[in-house]
Amino acid sequence: MIGARCKICRRLGVKLFLKGSRCYGQKCEIVKRNYPPGLRLKKRGKKISEYGKELAEKQKLKNWYNVSEKQFKKYVTDILKMKEKKEDAGDLLIRKLEGRLDNIVFRFGFAQSRFEARQMVSHGYFLVNKRNVNIPSFKVKKGDEIEIKEKSKKTKKLQDIKVTLKNNSQPSWLSLNKDEMKGQVLSIPSEEEANVPVETSVIFEFYSK
């Protein structure tokens, strides 16, 4: 499983932080082997087509947020269907992705990767405004409060996370009480604030064809 996810980063040529803490050290596969999987591809110099670029950017963003192809396509096509001008299409897409509960959990530092955050949400670790929510794609809004259930705090996973939280910093759009493991969403970030390593405009071109 480690190899499968690490190959995604190597194939796309960018570190997507799919394996949590492993991605920050020298064990990261893209650090050790910064070339696409497969010996035949190691020295390739083939020019990438416009379609290839669009596909790669789509794959980067989809994997960055750990979203299925079906869900990702829905986010993009919903924006494309809007009648008003779409100069801010990139912002709209990033806000949709950043506003997912699994992403917010990851951003708070309650999980080491979005993959892990998705699992934790599905297993019912969290409350949103005091209500049980176990849907990773749940849309979080400005002002919402996210906290870990009391019984979940006692698990070893969460005890370990509480220790690492002390040295972590959160994005400016989130406010976190590290002792109580409870946070509030101050805003949903724009494309510029989120600073994702992707050119969103070509993603819309990919799905417009």
Foldseek 3Di string as FASTA:
>chain_A
DVVVLLLLCLQLQHQLQAPFPCSVDCNRPCNVQNHHPDPVRNPDDDDADLLRQLVSLLSSVCVSLVHDPVVLLVQLVVLVPDPDDCPQVQQSSQLQSCQFQLNVCVLLQQDRGSVVSLVCLLVFQKDKQNHTGSHRSDGHAAFIKMAGDPVSCPDPSNVVSLVVSVVDDGQPQKDADSVRRMIGGHHRDGCVSVVRPHDVVSNSVNSVD
